[in-house]
Amino acid sequence: MKEYAEQIEALQGSLASDQRELREAMERVKRAVSEPLDVPRRIRESPAPWMFGAALLGLWLGVRGAA
């Protein structure tokens, strides 16, 4: 009977640990999902690639409109 109680206790400890890890993983997923959607912050952090991309887009639209 003692062996059974020890197994139950070990399983409960493992379950509590798994639940904690799952909560932490869900928080990381929530942060990862919300970060890419924050475009203004990403532009502030590295404006050069955005300006280069905007210039290329403008050039492409200009050439396309002139043709």
PDB file of N, CA and C in Angstrom:
ATOM      1  N   MET A   1       0.818  -1.196   0.000  1.00  0.00           N
ATOM      2  CA  MET A   1       0.000   0.000   0.000  1.00  0.00           C
ATOM      3  C   MET A   1       0.868   1.269   0.000  1.00  0.00           C
ATOM      4  N   LYS A   2       1.976   1.196   0.727  1.00  0.00           N
ATOM      5  CA  LYS A   2       2.879   2.338   0.804  1.00  0.00           C
ATOM      6  C   LYS A   2       3.454   2.648  -0.581  1.00  0.00           C
ATOM      7  N   GLU A   3       3.766   1.593  -1.326  1.00  0.00           N
ATOM      8  CA  GLU A   3       4.321   1.754  -2.666  1.00  0.00           C
ATOM      9  C   GLU A   3       3.315   2.465  -3.587  1.00  0.00           C
ATOM     10  N   TYR A   4       2.062   2.107  -3.449  1.00  0.00           N
ATOM     11  CA  TYR A   4       0.995   2.724  -4.238  1.00  0.00           C
ATOM     12  C   TYR A   4       0.867   4.216  -3.902  1.00  0.00           C
ATOM     13  N   ALA A   5       0.932   4.555  -2.638  1.00  0.00           N
ATOM     14  CA  ALA A   5       0.835   5.955  -2.207  1.00  0.00           C
ATOM     15  C   ALA A   5       2.017   6.761  -2.737  1.00  0.00           C
ATOM     16  N   GLU A   6       3.194   6.150  -2.762  1.00  0.00           N
ATOM     17  CA  GLU A   6       4.375   6.839  -3.279  1.00  0.00           C
ATOM     18  C   GLU A   6       4.241   7.092  -4.781  1.00  0.00           C
ATOM     19  N   GLN A   7       3.676   6.120  -5.490  1.00  0.00           N
ATOM     20  CA  GLN A   7       3.466   6.293  -6.929  1.00  0.00           C
ATOM     21  C   GLN A   7       2.467   7.418  -7.198  1.00  0.00           C
ATOM     22  N   ILE A   8       1.394   7.460  -6.410  1.00  0.00           N
ATOM     23  CA  ILE A   8       0.387   8.517  -6.553  1.00  0.00           C
ATOM     24  C   ILE A   8       1.024   9.879  -6.284  1.00  0.00           C
ATOM     25  N   GLU A   9       1.825   9.956  -5.242  1.00  0.00           N
ATOM     26  CA  GLU A   9       2.485  11.215  -4.884  1.00  0.00           C
ATOM     27  C   GLU A   9       3.448  11.652  -5.990  1.00  0.00           C
ATOM     28  N   ALA A  10       4.182  10.709  -6.551  1.00  0.00           N
ATOM     29  CA  ALA A  10       5.116  11.033  -7.636  1.00  0.00           C
ATOM     30  C   ALA A  10       4.357  11.511  -8.865  1.00  0.00           C
ATOM     31  N   LEU A  11       3.238  10.860  -9.162  1.00  0.00           N
ATOM     32  CA  LEU A  11       2.428  11.276 -10.309  1.00  0.00           C
ATOM     33  C   LEU A  11       1.847  12.670 -10.107  1.00  0.00           C
ATOM     34  N   GLN A  12       1.406  12.964  -8.899  1.00  0.00           N
ATOM     35  CA  GLN A  12       0.863  14.297  -8.614  1.00  0.00           C
ATOM     36  C   GLN A  12       1.941  15.361  -8.750  1.00  0.00           C
ATOM     37  N   GLY A  13       3.136  15.062  -8.291  1.00  0.00           N
ATOM     38  CA  GLY A  13       4.248  15.997  -8.441  1.00  0.00           C
ATOM     39  C   GLY A  13       4.593  16.220  -9.900  1.00  0.00           C
ATOM     40  N   SER A  14       4.593  15.147 -10.656  1.00  0.00           N
ATOM     41  CA  SER A  14       4.878  15.251 -12.078  1.00  0.00           C
ATOM     42  C   SER A  14       3.791  16.049 -12.789  1.00  0.00           C
ATOM     43  N   LEU A  15       2.551  15.826 -12.424  1.00  0.00           N
ATOM     44  CA  LEU A  15       1.431  16.558 -13.026  1.00  0.00           C
ATOM     45  C   LEU A  15       1.532  18.049 -12.715  1.00  0.00           C
ATOM     46  N   ALA A  16       1.868  18.387 -11.484  1.00  0.00           N
ATOM     47  CA  ALA A  16       2.011  19.803 -11.114  1.00  0.00           C
ATOM     48  C   ALA A  16       3.137  20.450 -11.919  1.00  0.00           C
ATOM     49  N   SER A  17       4.235  19.725 -12.094  1.00  0.00           N
ATOM     50  CA  SER A  17       5.356  20.241 -12.867  1.00  0.00           C
ATOM     51  C   SER A  17       4.963  20.428 -14.333  1.00  0.00           C
ATOM     52  N   ASP A  18       4.250  19.454 -14.887  1.00  0.00           N
ATOM     53  CA  ASP A  18       3.797  19.557 -16.282  1.00  0.00           C
ATOM     54  C   ASP A  18       2.847  20.731 -16.467  1.00  0.00           C
ATOM     55  N   GLN A  19       1.963  20.945 -15.512  1.00  0.00           N
ATOM     56  CA  GLN A  19       1.022  22.066 -15.604  1.00  0.00           C
ATOM     57  C   GLN A  19       1.771  23.395 -15.582  1.00  0.00           C
ATOM     58  N   ARG A  20       2.771  23.507 -14.739  1.00  0.00           N
ATOM     59  CA  ARG A  20       3.572  24.735 -14.656  1.00  0.00           C
ATOM     60  C   ARG A  20       4.312  24.969 -15.974  1.00  0.00           C
ATOM     61  N   GLU A  21       4.900  23.922 -16.527  1.00  0.00           N
ATOM     62  CA  GLU A  21       5.608  24.047 -17.799  1.00  0.00           C
ATOM     63  C   GLU A  21       4.654  24.425 -18.924  1.00  0.00           C
ATOM     64  N   LEU A  22       3.445  23.870 -18.899  1.00  0.00           N
ATOM     65  CA  LEU A  22       2.452  24.193 -19.911  1.00  0.00           C
ATOM     66  C   LEU A  22       2.038  25.662 -19.816  1.00  0.00           C
ATOM     67  N   ARG A  23       1.836  26.168 -18.613  1.00  0.00           N
ATOM     68  CA  ARG A  23       1.494  27.587 -18.430  1.00  0.00           C
ATOM     69  C   ARG A  23       2.606  28.489 -18.953  1.00  0.00           C
ATOM     70  N   GLU A  24       3.854  28.130 -18.651  1.00  0.00           N
ATOM     71  CA  GLU A  24       4.992  28.924 -19.129  1.00  0.00           C
ATOM     72  C   GLU A  24       5.073  28.888 -20.654  1.00  0.00           C
ATOM     73  N   ALA A  25       4.849  27.728 -21.239  1.00  0.00           N
ATOM     74  CA  ALA A  25       4.889  27.606 -22.697  1.00  0.00           C
ATOM     75  C   ALA A  25       3.774  28.432 -23.334  1.00  0.00           C
ATOM     76  N   MET A  26       2.613  28.441 -22.739  1.00  0.00           N
ATOM     77  CA  MET A  26       1.500  29.226 -23.277  1.00  0.00           C
ATOM     78  C   MET A  26       1.810  30.724 -23.204  1.00  0.00           C
ATOM     79  N   GLU A  27       2.461  31.165 -22.150  1.00  0.00           N
ATOM     80  CA  GLU A  27       2.853  32.573 -22.040  1.00  0.00           C
ATOM     81  C   GLU A  27       3.853  32.929 -23.135  1.00  0.00           C
ATOM     82  N   ARG A  28       4.815  32.034 -23.392  1.00  0.00           N
ATOM     83  CA  ARG A  28       5.788  32.284 -24.461  1.00  0.00           C
ATOM     84  C   ARG A  28       5.097  32.349 -25.821  1.00  0.00           C
ATOM     85  N   VAL A  29       4.121  31.477 -26.032  1.00  0.00           N
ATOM     86  CA  VAL A  29       3.390  31.493 -27.301  1.00  0.00           C
ATOM     87  C   VAL A  29       2.614  32.793 -27.444  1.00  0.00           C
ATOM     88  N   LYS A  30       1.957  33.238 -26.383  1.00  0.00           N
ATOM     89  CA  LYS A  30       1.197  34.497 -26.433  1.00  0.00           C
ATOM     90  C   LYS A  30       2.113  35.668 -26.780  1.00  0.00           C
ATOM     91  N   ARG A  31       3.292  35.711 -26.161  1.00  0.00           N
ATOM     92  CA  ARG A  31       4.234  36.788 -26.464  1.00  0.00           C
ATOM     93  C   ARG A  31       4.728  36.699 -27.901  1.00  0.00           C
ATOM     94  N   ALA A  32       5.030  35.492 -28.349  1.00  0.00           N
ATOM     95  CA  ALA A  32       5.543  35.306 -29.713  1.00  0.00           C
ATOM     96  C   ALA A  32       4.501  35.693 -30.749  1.00  0.00           C
ATOM     97  N   VAL A  33       3.246  35.431 -30.464  1.00  0.00           N
ATOM     98  CA  VAL A  33       2.185  35.763 -31.414  1.00  0.00           C
ATOM     99  C   VAL A  33       1.950  37.256 -31.458  1.00  0.00           C
ATOM    100  N   SER A  34       2.021  37.918 -30.326  1.00  0.00           N
ATOM    101  CA  SER A  34       1.727  39.353 -30.301  1.00  0.00           C
ATOM    102  C   SER A  34       2.895  40.191 -30.818  1.00  0.00           C
ATOM    103  N   GLU A  35       4.130  39.715 -30.716  1.00  0.00           N
ATOM    104  CA  GLU A  35       5.287  40.496 -31.157  1.00  0.00           C
ATOM    105  C   GLU A  35       5.283  40.807 -32.648  1.00  0.00           C
ATOM    106  N   PRO A  36       5.090  39.831 -33.536  1.00  0.00           N
ATOM    107  CA  PRO A  36       5.152  40.158 -34.966  1.00  0.00           C
ATOM    108  C   PRO A  36       4.062  41.129 -35.409  1.00  0.00           C
ATOM    109  N   LEU A  37       2.995  41.247 -34.657  1.00  0.00           N
ATOM    110  CA  LEU A  37       1.900  42.118 -35.040  1.00  0.00           C
ATOM    111  C   LEU A  37       2.161  43.577 -34.678  1.00  0.00           C
ATOM    112  N   ASP A  38       3.189  43.822 -33.899  1.00  0.00           N
ATOM    113  CA  ASP A  38       3.504  45.185 -33.466  1.00  0.00           C
ATOM    114  C   ASP A  38       4.433  45.830 -34.499  1.00  0.00           C
ATOM    115  N   VAL A  39       3.884  46.171 -35.667  1.00  0.00           N
ATOM    116  CA  VAL A  39       4.674  46.707 -36.778  1.00  0.00           C
ATOM    117  C   VAL A  39       5.348  48.034 -36.419  1.00  0.00           C
ATOM    118  N   PRO A  40       4.655  49.003 -35.813  1.00  0.00           N
ATOM    119  CA  PRO A  40       5.346  50.263 -35.490  1.00  0.00           C
ATOM    120  C   PRO A  40       6.586  50.070 -34.616  1.00  0.00           C
ATOM    121  N   ARG A  41       6.517  49.170 -33.647  1.00  0.00           N
ATOM    122  CA  ARG A  41       7.689  48.914 -32.803  1.00  0.00           C
ATOM    123  C   ARG A  41       8.810  48.304 -33.629  1.00  0.00           C
ATOM    124  N   ARG A  42       8.479  47.382 -34.515  1.00  0.00           N
ATOM    125  CA  ARG A  42       9.500  46.748 -35.348  1.00  0.00           C
ATOM    126  C   ARG A  42      10.144  47.771 -36.287  1.00  0.00           C
ATOM    127  N   ILE A  43       9.368  48.722 -36.798  1.00  0.00           N
ATOM    128  CA  ILE A  43       9.931  49.765 -37.667  1.00  0.00           C
ATOM    129  C   ILE A  43      10.871  50.656 -36.860  1.00  0.00           C
ATOM    130  N   ARG A  44      10.474  51.021 -35.634  1.00  0.00           N
ATOM    131  CA  ARG A  44      11.340  51.850 -34.783  1.00  0.00           C
ATOM    132  C   ARG A  44      12.650  51.141 -34.460  1.00  0.00           C
ATOM    133  N   GLU A  45      12.585  49.823 -34.251  1.00  0.00           N
ATOM    134  CA  GLU A  45      13.788  49.071 -33.887  1.00  0.00           C
ATOM    135  C   GLU A  45      14.778  48.971 -35.046  1.00  0.00           C
ATOM    136  N   SER A  46      14.288  48.833 -36.270  1.00  0.00           N
ATOM    137  CA  SER A  46      15.189  48.741 -37.424  1.00  0.00           C
ATOM    138  C   SER A  46      14.528  49.393 -38.631  1.00  0.00           C
ATOM    139  N   PRO A  47      14.670  50.718 -38.738  1.00  0.00           N
ATOM    140  CA  PRO A  47      13.988  51.433 -39.818  1.00  0.00           C
ATOM    141  C   PRO A  47      14.619  51.241 -41.199  1.00  0.00           C
ATOM    142  N   ALA A  48      15.912  50.949 -41.292  1.00  0.00           N
ATOM    143  CA  ALA A  48      16.591  50.864 -42.594  1.00  0.00           C
ATOM    144  C   ALA A  48      15.958  49.820 -43.527  1.00  0.00           C
ATOM    145  N   PRO A  49      15.728  48.590 -43.096  1.00  0.00           N
ATOM    146  CA  PRO A  49      15.115  47.625 -44.019  1.00  0.00           C
ATOM    147  C   PRO A  49      13.719  48.048 -44.472  1.00  0.00           C
ATOM    148  N   TRP A  50      12.980  48.694 -43.586  1.00  0.00           N
ATOM    149  CA  TRP A  50      11.630  49.150 -43.941  1.00  0.00           C
ATOM    150  C   TRP A  50      11.696  50.268 -44.973  1.00  0.00           C
ATOM    151  N   MET A  51      12.657  51.200 -44.802  1.00  0.00           N
ATOM    152  CA  MET A  51      12.799  52.287 -45.778  1.00  0.00           C
ATOM    153  C   MET A  51      13.256  51.733 -47.130  1.00  0.00           C
ATOM    154  N   PHE A  52      14.170  50.788 -47.101  1.00  0.00           N
ATOM    155  CA  PHE A  52      14.642  50.169 -48.334  1.00  0.00           C
ATOM    156  C   PHE A  52      13.488  49.447 -49.042  1.00  0.00           C
ATOM    157  N   GLY A  53      12.700  48.712 -48.277  1.00  0.00           N
ATOM    158  CA  GLY A  53      11.545  48.017 -48.846  1.00  0.00           C
ATOM    159  C   GLY A  53      10.525  48.988 -49.409  1.00  0.00           C
ATOM    160  N   ALA A  54      10.278  50.083 -48.696  1.00  0.00           N
ATOM    161  CA  ALA A  54       9.326  51.087 -49.176  1.00  0.00           C
ATOM    162  C   ALA A  54       9.829  51.742 -50.457  1.00  0.00           C
ATOM    163  N   ALA A  55      11.145  52.009 -50.529  1.00  0.00           N
ATOM    164  CA  ALA A  55      11.716  52.603 -51.741  1.00  0.00           C
ATOM    165  C   ALA A  55      11.587  51.652 -52.920  1.00  0.00           C
ATOM    166  N   LEU A  56      11.861  50.378 -52.697  1.00  0.00           N
ATOM    167  CA  LEU A  56      11.713  49.389 -53.772  1.00  0.00           C
ATOM    168  C   LEU A  56      10.266  49.280 -54.229  1.00  0.00           C
ATOM    169  N   LEU A  57       9.345  49.263 -53.286  1.00  0.00           N
ATOM    170  CA  LEU A  57       7.926  49.201 -53.631  1.00  0.00           C
ATOM    171  C   LEU A  57       7.509  50.424 -54.419  1.00  0.00           C
ATOM    172  N   GLY A  58       7.957  51.605 -54.000  1.00  0.00           N
ATOM    173  CA  GLY A  58       7.635  52.831 -54.718  1.00  0.00           C
ATOM    174  C   GLY A  58       8.216  52.826 -56.116  1.00  0.00           C
ATOM    175  N   LEU A  59       9.451  52.360 -56.260  1.00  0.00           N
ATOM    176  CA  LEU A  59      10.081  52.278 -57.565  1.00  0.00           C
ATOM    177  C   LEU A  59       9.316  51.309 -58.482  1.00  0.00           C
ATOM    178  N   TRP A  60       8.974  50.163 -57.930  1.00  0.00           N
ATOM    179  CA  TRP A  60       8.232  49.169 -58.714  1.00  0.00           C
ATOM    180  C   TRP A  60       6.878  49.708 -59.138  1.00  0.00           C
ATOM    181  N   LEU A  61       6.176  50.354 -58.215  1.00  0.00           N
ATOM    182  CA  LEU A  61       4.857  50.927 -58.577  1.00  0.00           C
ATOM    183  C   LEU A  61       5.015  52.053 -59.589  1.00  0.00           C
ATOM    184  N   GLY A  62       6.064  52.854 -59.461  1.00  0.00           N
ATOM    185  CA  GLY A  62       6.307  53.942 -60.405  1.00  0.00           C
ATOM    186  C   GLY A  62       6.605  53.456 -61.801  1.00  0.00           C
ATOM    187  N   VAL A  63       7.455  52.446 -61.885  1.00  0.00           N
ATOM    188  CA  VAL A  63       7.805  51.876 -63.181  1.00  0.00           C
ATOM    189  C   VAL A  63       6.580  51.195 -63.795  1.00  0.00           C
ATOM    190  N   ARG A  64       5.835  50.527 -62.995  1.00  0.00           N
ATOM    191  CA  ARG A  64       4.652  49.839 -63.476  1.00  0.00           C
ATOM    192  C   ARG A  64       3.588  50.813 -63.981  1.00  0.00           C
ATOM    193  N   GLY A  65       3.471  51.943 -63.286  1.00  0.00           N
ATOM    194  CA  GLY A  65       2.487  52.965 -63.694  1.00  0.00           C
ATOM    195  C   GLY A  65       2.897  53.710 -64.941  1.00  0.00           C
ATOM    196  N   ALA A  66       4.215  53.846 -65.161  1.00  0.00           N
ATOM    197  CA  ALA A  66       4.718  54.566 -66.327  1.00  0.00           C
ATOM    198  C   ALA A  66       4.623  53.725 -67.601  1.00  0.00           C
ATOM    199  N   ALA A  67       4.601  52.421 -67.433  1.00  0.00           N
ATOM    200  CA  ALA A  67       4.600  51.534 -68.612  1.00  0.00           C
ATOM    201  C   ALA A  67       3.255  51.388 -69.262  1.00  0.00           C
TER     202      ALA A  67
END
